[in-house]
Amino acid sequence: MILCVDSLPDELSQHLQAFAKQRPGWTQERILCSALSLFLLQNGVNDRAVSQVYLQAMFPESFEQGGAS
């Protein structure tokens, strides 16, 4: 399944684009990965891989080459 930003409600899409434009380090993919992984974690998913996705989205500098793995 591929989630297309165009399939989001206009209100969310507009704010998502504005947020990403104001914060160049936050791509739409990064925003969606952090939001979806946090949603899953808060709703009972107990998977290390999902936690890793969340942490990488929130703190990418910690996972760049030479950072934590």
PDB file of N, CA and C in Angstrom:
ATOM      1  N   MET A   1       0.837  -1.174   0.000  1.00  0.00           N
ATOM      2  CA  MET A   1       0.000   0.000   0.000  1.00  0.00           C
ATOM      3  C   MET A   1       0.886   1.242   0.000  1.00  0.00           C
ATOM      4  N   ILE A   2       0.544   2.178  -0.840  1.00  0.00           N
ATOM      5  CA  ILE A   2       1.271   3.438  -0.913  1.00  0.00           C
ATOM      6  C   ILE A   2       0.320   4.547  -0.510  1.00  0.00           C
ATOM      7  N   LEU A   3       0.739   5.333   0.471  1.00  0.00           N
ATOM      8  CA  LEU A   3      -0.060   6.460   0.917  1.00  0.00           C
ATOM      9  C   LEU A   3       0.388   7.681   0.145  1.00  0.00           C
ATOM     10  N   CYS A   4      -0.533   8.281  -0.539  1.00  0.00           N
ATOM     11  CA  CYS A   4      -0.239   9.468  -1.320  1.00  0.00           C
ATOM     12  C   CYS A   4      -0.741  10.682  -0.545  1.00  0.00           C
ATOM     13  N   VAL A   5       0.089  11.692  -0.428  1.00  0.00           N
ATOM     14  CA  VAL A   5      -0.305  12.893   0.300  1.00  0.00           C
ATOM     15  C   VAL A   5      -1.547  13.510  -0.329  1.00  0.00           C
ATOM     16  N   ASP A   6      -1.723  13.329  -1.627  1.00  0.00           N
ATOM     17  CA  ASP A   6      -2.901  13.862  -2.307  1.00  0.00           C
ATOM     18  C   ASP A   6      -4.192  13.220  -1.803  1.00  0.00           C
ATOM     19  N   SER A   7      -4.096  12.040  -1.189  1.00  0.00           N
ATOM     20  CA  SER A   7      -5.296  11.357  -0.707  1.00  0.00           C
ATOM     21  C   SER A   7      -5.694  11.818   0.696  1.00  0.00           C
ATOM     22  N   LEU A   8      -4.893  12.681   1.315  1.00  0.00           N
ATOM     23  CA  LEU A   8      -5.227  13.221   2.630  1.00  0.00           C
ATOM     24  C   LEU A   8      -6.289  14.313   2.480  1.00  0.00           C
ATOM     25  N   PRO A   9      -7.080  14.536   3.518  1.00  0.00           N
ATOM     26  CA  PRO A   9      -8.012  15.668   3.474  1.00  0.00           C
ATOM     27  C   PRO A   9      -7.238  16.963   3.219  1.00  0.00           C
ATOM     28  N   ASP A  10      -7.860  17.886   2.514  1.00  0.00           N
ATOM     29  CA  ASP A  10      -7.192  19.136   2.145  1.00  0.00           C
ATOM     30  C   ASP A  10      -6.594  19.870   3.337  1.00  0.00           C
ATOM     31  N   GLU A  11      -7.319  19.896   4.461  1.00  0.00           N
ATOM     32  CA  GLU A  11      -6.833  20.604   5.634  1.00  0.00           C
ATOM     33  C   GLU A  11      -5.508  20.022   6.123  1.00  0.00           C
ATOM     34  N   LEU A  12      -5.420  18.705   6.162  1.00  0.00           N
ATOM     35  CA  LEU A  12      -4.177  18.059   6.603  1.00  0.00           C
ATOM     36  C   LEU A  12      -3.068  18.254   5.580  1.00  0.00           C
ATOM     37  N   SER A  13      -3.390  18.108   4.328  1.00  0.00           N
ATOM     38  CA  SER A  13      -2.406  18.242   3.262  1.00  0.00           C
ATOM     39  C   SER A  13      -1.803  19.642   3.250  1.00  0.00           C
ATOM     40  N   GLN A  14      -2.644  20.664   3.395  1.00  0.00           N
ATOM     41  CA  GLN A  14      -2.157  22.046   3.393  1.00  0.00           C
ATOM     42  C   GLN A  14      -1.219  22.302   4.568  1.00  0.00           C
ATOM     43  N   HIS A  15      -1.601  21.843   5.746  1.00  0.00           N
ATOM     44  CA  HIS A  15      -0.757  22.058   6.925  1.00  0.00           C
ATOM     45  C   HIS A  15       0.518  21.230   6.853  1.00  0.00           C
ATOM     46  N   LEU A  16       0.421  20.044   6.310  1.00  0.00           N
ATOM     47  CA  LEU A  16       1.601  19.197   6.141  1.00  0.00           C
ATOM     48  C   LEU A  16       2.602  19.876   5.215  1.00  0.00           C
ATOM     49  N   GLN A  17       2.128  20.396   4.103  1.00  0.00           N
ATOM     50  CA  GLN A  17       3.011  21.071   3.147  1.00  0.00           C
ATOM     51  C   GLN A  17       3.610  22.333   3.752  1.00  0.00           C
ATOM     52  N   ALA A  18       2.810  23.097   4.488  1.00  0.00           N
ATOM     53  CA  ALA A  18       3.303  24.321   5.120  1.00  0.00           C
ATOM     54  C   ALA A  18       4.362  24.000   6.177  1.00  0.00           C
ATOM     55  N   PHE A  19       4.106  22.970   6.981  1.00  0.00           N
ATOM     56  CA  PHE A  19       5.066  22.557   8.010  1.00  0.00           C
ATOM     57  C   PHE A  19       6.385  22.162   7.363  1.00  0.00           C
ATOM     58  N   ALA A  20       6.318  21.342   6.322  1.00  0.00           N
ATOM     59  CA  ALA A  20       7.528  20.867   5.645  1.00  0.00           C
ATOM     60  C   ALA A  20       8.270  22.026   4.975  1.00  0.00           C
ATOM     61  N   LYS A  21       7.542  22.988   4.455  1.00  0.00           N
ATOM     62  CA  LYS A  21       8.173  24.130   3.794  1.00  0.00           C
ATOM     63  C   LYS A  21       8.923  24.999   4.802  1.00  0.00           C
ATOM     64  N   GLN A  22       8.376  25.159   5.998  1.00  0.00           N
ATOM     65  CA  GLN A  22       9.004  25.975   7.030  1.00  0.00           C
ATOM     66  C   GLN A  22      10.176  25.275   7.695  1.00  0.00           C
ATOM     67  N   ARG A  23      10.212  23.955   7.592  1.00  0.00           N
ATOM     68  CA  ARG A  23      11.260  23.169   8.236  1.00  0.00           C
ATOM     69  C   ARG A  23      11.881  22.231   7.198  1.00  0.00           C
ATOM     70  N   PRO A  24      12.901  22.713   6.490  1.00  0.00           N
ATOM     71  CA  PRO A  24      13.472  21.943   5.382  1.00  0.00           C
ATOM     72  C   PRO A  24      13.948  20.538   5.755  1.00  0.00           C
ATOM     73  N   GLY A  25      14.334  20.319   7.002  1.00  0.00           N
ATOM     74  CA  GLY A  25      14.789  18.992   7.415  1.00  0.00           C
ATOM     75  C   GLY A  25      13.649  17.993   7.580  1.00  0.00           C
ATOM     76  N   TRP A  26      12.431  18.506   7.595  1.00  0.00           N
ATOM     77  CA  TRP A  26      11.258  17.644   7.774  1.00  0.00           C
ATOM     78  C   TRP A  26      10.552  17.452   6.436  1.00  0.00           C
ATOM     79  N   THR A  27      10.852  16.355   5.770  1.00  0.00           N
ATOM     80  CA  THR A  27      10.155  16.021   4.531  1.00  0.00           C
ATOM     81  C   THR A  27       8.780  15.471   4.869  1.00  0.00           C
ATOM     82  N   GLN A  28       7.910  15.433   3.882  1.00  0.00           N
ATOM     83  CA  GLN A  28       6.589  14.854   4.109  1.00  0.00           C
ATOM     84  C   GLN A  28       6.711  13.402   4.542  1.00  0.00           C
ATOM     85  N   GLU A  29       7.658  12.685   3.970  1.00  0.00           N
ATOM     86  CA  GLU A  29       7.867  11.282   4.359  1.00  0.00           C
ATOM     87  C   GLU A  29       8.270  11.183   5.829  1.00  0.00           C
ATOM     88  N   ARG A  30       9.173  12.057   6.272  1.00  0.00           N
ATOM     89  CA  ARG A  30       9.619  12.028   7.663  1.00  0.00           C
ATOM     90  C   ARG A  30       8.461  12.346   8.609  1.00  0.00           C
ATOM     91  N   ILE A  31       7.656  13.339   8.247  1.00  0.00           N
ATOM     92  CA  ILE A  31       6.507  13.715   9.077  1.00  0.00           C
ATOM     93  C   ILE A  31       5.536  12.546   9.186  1.00  0.00           C
ATOM     94  N   LEU A  32       5.206  11.932   8.061  1.00  0.00           N
ATOM     95  CA  LEU A  32       4.253  10.822   8.074  1.00  0.00           C
ATOM     96  C   LEU A  32       4.810   9.608   8.810  1.00  0.00           C
ATOM     97  N   CYS A  33       6.088   9.322   8.638  1.00  0.00           N
ATOM     98  CA  CYS A  33       6.691   8.186   9.354  1.00  0.00           C
ATOM     99  C   CYS A  33       6.647   8.404  10.861  1.00  0.00           C
ATOM    100  N   SER A  34       6.977   9.616  11.296  1.00  0.00           N
ATOM    101  CA  SER A  34       6.960   9.874  12.735  1.00  0.00           C
ATOM    102  C   SER A  34       5.538   9.805  13.279  1.00  0.00           C
ATOM    103  N   ALA A  35       4.594  10.387  12.553  1.00  0.00           N
ATOM    104  CA  ALA A  35       3.201  10.402  13.019  1.00  0.00           C
ATOM    105  C   ALA A  35       2.594   8.999  13.043  1.00  0.00           C
ATOM    106  N   LEU A  36       2.791   8.242  11.987  1.00  0.00           N
ATOM    107  CA  LEU A  36       2.197   6.900  11.923  1.00  0.00           C
ATOM    108  C   LEU A  36       2.844   5.944  12.913  1.00  0.00           C
ATOM    109  N   SER A  37       4.158   6.014  13.046  1.00  0.00           N
ATOM    110  CA  SER A  37       4.808   5.112  13.994  1.00  0.00           C
ATOM    111  C   SER A  37       4.423   5.459  15.428  1.00  0.00           C
ATOM    112  N   LEU A  38       4.314   6.752  15.751  1.00  0.00           N
ATOM    113  CA  LEU A  38       3.883   7.133  17.096  1.00  0.00           C
ATOM    114  C   LEU A  38       2.450   6.673  17.346  1.00  0.00           C
ATOM    115  N   PHE A  39       1.581   6.828  16.365  1.00  0.00           N
ATOM    116  CA  PHE A  39       0.196   6.360  16.493  1.00  0.00           C
ATOM    117  C   PHE A  39       0.163   4.864  16.793  1.00  0.00           C
ATOM    118  N   LEU A  40       0.933   4.091  16.054  1.00  0.00           N
ATOM    119  CA  LEU A  40       0.958   2.641  16.270  1.00  0.00           C
ATOM    120  C   LEU A  40       1.483   2.291  17.655  1.00  0.00           C
ATOM    121  N   LEU A  41       2.549   2.955  18.071  1.00  0.00           N
ATOM    122  CA  LEU A  41       3.121   2.680  19.388  1.00  0.00           C
ATOM    123  C   LEU A  41       2.158   3.039  20.510  1.00  0.00           C
ATOM    124  N   GLN A  42       1.456   4.149  20.347  1.00  0.00           N
ATOM    125  CA  GLN A  42       0.505   4.571  21.377  1.00  0.00           C
ATOM    126  C   GLN A  42      -0.746   3.700  21.409  1.00  0.00           C
ATOM    127  N   ASN A  43      -0.953   2.918  20.352  1.00  0.00           N
ATOM    128  CA  ASN A  43      -2.149   2.089  20.277  1.00  0.00           C
ATOM    129  C   ASN A  43      -1.846   0.604  20.330  1.00  0.00           C
ATOM    130  N   GLY A  44      -0.791   0.272  21.043  1.00  0.00           N
ATOM    131  CA  GLY A  44      -0.560  -1.117  21.389  1.00  0.00           C
ATOM    132  C   GLY A  44       0.430  -1.904  20.566  1.00  0.00           C
ATOM    133  N   VAL A  45       0.978  -1.329  19.508  1.00  0.00           N
ATOM    134  CA  VAL A  45       1.983  -2.060  18.737  1.00  0.00           C
ATOM    135  C   VAL A  45       3.272  -2.056  19.540  1.00  0.00           C
ATOM    136  N   ASN A  46       3.801  -3.223  19.777  1.00  0.00           N
ATOM    137  CA  ASN A  46       5.018  -3.363  20.570  1.00  0.00           C
ATOM    138  C   ASN A  46       6.062  -4.049  19.702  1.00  0.00           C
ATOM    139  N   ASP A  47       6.530  -3.307  18.708  1.00  0.00           N
ATOM    140  CA  ASP A  47       7.462  -3.853  17.730  1.00  0.00           C
ATOM    141  C   ASP A  47       8.698  -2.955  17.684  1.00  0.00           C
ATOM    142  N   ARG A  48       9.826  -3.554  17.901  1.00  0.00           N
ATOM    143  CA  ARG A  48      11.079  -2.801  17.923  1.00  0.00           C
ATOM    144  C   ARG A  48      11.316  -2.060  16.607  1.00  0.00           C
ATOM    145  N   ALA A  49      10.942  -2.647  15.503  1.00  0.00           N
ATOM    146  CA  ALA A  49      11.139  -2.015  14.196  1.00  0.00           C
ATOM    147  C   ALA A  49      10.313  -0.730  14.076  1.00  0.00           C
ATOM    148  N   VAL A  50       9.105  -0.728  14.614  1.00  0.00           N
ATOM    149  CA  VAL A  50       8.265   0.471  14.589  1.00  0.00           C
ATOM    150  C   VAL A  50       8.884   1.542  15.481  1.00  0.00           C
ATOM    151  N   SER A  51       9.400   1.136  16.634  1.00  0.00           N
ATOM    152  CA  SER A  51      10.085   2.077  17.519  1.00  0.00           C
ATOM    153  C   SER A  51      11.296   2.686  16.817  1.00  0.00           C
ATOM    154  N   GLN A  52      12.017   1.866  16.076  1.00  0.00           N
ATOM    155  CA  GLN A  52      13.199   2.329  15.347  1.00  0.00           C
ATOM    156  C   GLN A  52      12.810   3.348  14.280  1.00  0.00           C
ATOM    157  N   VAL A  53      11.716   3.108  13.579  1.00  0.00           N
ATOM    158  CA  VAL A  53      11.234   4.054  12.566  1.00  0.00           C
ATOM    159  C   VAL A  53      10.922   5.393  13.220  1.00  0.00           C
ATOM    160  N   TYR A  54      10.249   5.351  14.361  1.00  0.00           N
ATOM    161  CA  TYR A  54       9.905   6.578  15.079  1.00  0.00           C
ATOM    162  C   TYR A  54      11.167   7.332  15.493  1.00  0.00           C
ATOM    163  N   LEU A  55      12.097   6.633  16.108  1.00  0.00           N
ATOM    164  CA  LEU A  55      13.318   7.286  16.574  1.00  0.00           C
ATOM    165  C   LEU A  55      14.136   7.860  15.423  1.00  0.00           C
ATOM    166  N   GLN A  56      14.207   7.133  14.312  1.00  0.00           N
ATOM    167  CA  GLN A  56      14.946   7.630  13.153  1.00  0.00           C
ATOM    168  C   GLN A  56      14.280   8.858  12.553  1.00  0.00           C
ATOM    169  N   ALA A  57      12.948   8.901  12.576  1.00  0.00           N
ATOM    170  CA  ALA A  57      12.232  10.068  12.053  1.00  0.00           C
ATOM    171  C   ALA A  57      12.430  11.283  12.953  1.00  0.00           C
ATOM    172  N   MET A  58      12.428  11.058  14.250  1.00  0.00           N
ATOM    173  CA  MET A  58      12.541  12.162  15.198  1.00  0.00           C
ATOM    174  C   MET A  58      13.982  12.652  15.368  1.00  0.00           C
ATOM    175  N   PHE A  59      14.924  11.743  15.305  1.00  0.00           N
ATOM    176  CA  PHE A  59      16.324  12.080  15.573  1.00  0.00           C
ATOM    177  C   PHE A  59      17.237  11.527  14.474  1.00  0.00           C
ATOM    178  N   PRO A  60      17.071  11.983  13.244  1.00  0.00           N
ATOM    179  CA  PRO A  60      17.844  11.394  12.141  1.00  0.00           C
ATOM    180  C   PRO A  60      19.353  11.586  12.295  1.00  0.00           C
ATOM    181  N   GLU A  61      19.754  12.668  12.947  1.00  0.00           N
ATOM    182  CA  GLU A  61      21.184  12.914  13.108  1.00  0.00           C
ATOM    183  C   GLU A  61      21.853  11.831  13.944  1.00  0.00           C
ATOM    184  N   SER A  62      21.100  11.177  14.819  1.00  0.00           N
ATOM    185  CA  SER A  62      21.639  10.104  15.655  1.00  0.00           C
ATOM    186  C   SER A  62      21.846   8.812  14.875  1.00  0.00           C
ATOM    187  N   PHE A  63      21.230   8.744  13.692  1.00  0.00           N
ATOM    188  CA  PHE A  63      21.299   7.507  12.907  1.00  0.00           C
ATOM    189  C   PHE A  63      22.096   7.667  11.627  1.00  0.00           C
ATOM    190  N   GLU A  64      22.652   8.856  11.433  1.00  0.00           N
ATOM    191  CA  GLU A  64      23.491   9.057  10.250  1.00  0.00           C
ATOM    192  C   GLU A  64      24.780   8.273  10.427  1.00  0.00           C
ATOM    193  N   GLN A  65      25.526   8.162   9.378  1.00  0.00           N
ATOM    194  CA  GLN A  65      26.759   7.383   9.408  1.00  0.00           C
ATOM    195  C   GLN A  65      27.622   7.826  10.585  1.00  0.00           C
ATOM    196  N   GLY A  66      27.999   6.865  11.370  1.00  0.00           N
ATOM    197  CA  GLY A  66      28.811   7.141  12.541  1.00  0.00           C
ATOM    198  C   GLY A  66      27.999   7.296  13.808  1.00  0.00           C
ATOM    199  N   GLY A  67      26.647   7.354  13.667  1.00  0.00           N
ATOM    200  CA  GLY A  67      25.780   7.500  14.837  1.00  0.00           C
ATOM    201  C   GLY A  67      25.375   6.149  15.372  1.00  0.00           C
ATOM    202  N   ALA A  68      24.397   6.136  16.245  1.00  0.00           N
ATOM    203  CA  ALA A  68      23.907   4.888  16.832  1.00  0.00           C
ATOM    204  C   ALA A  68      23.222   4.054  15.759  1.00  0.00           C
ATOM    205  N   SER A  69      23.181   2.759  15.954  1.00  0.00           N
ATOM    206  CA  SER A  69      22.494   1.892  14.984  1.00  0.00           C
ATOM    207  C   SER A  69      21.437   1.067  15.654  1.00  0.00           C
TER     208      SER A  69
END
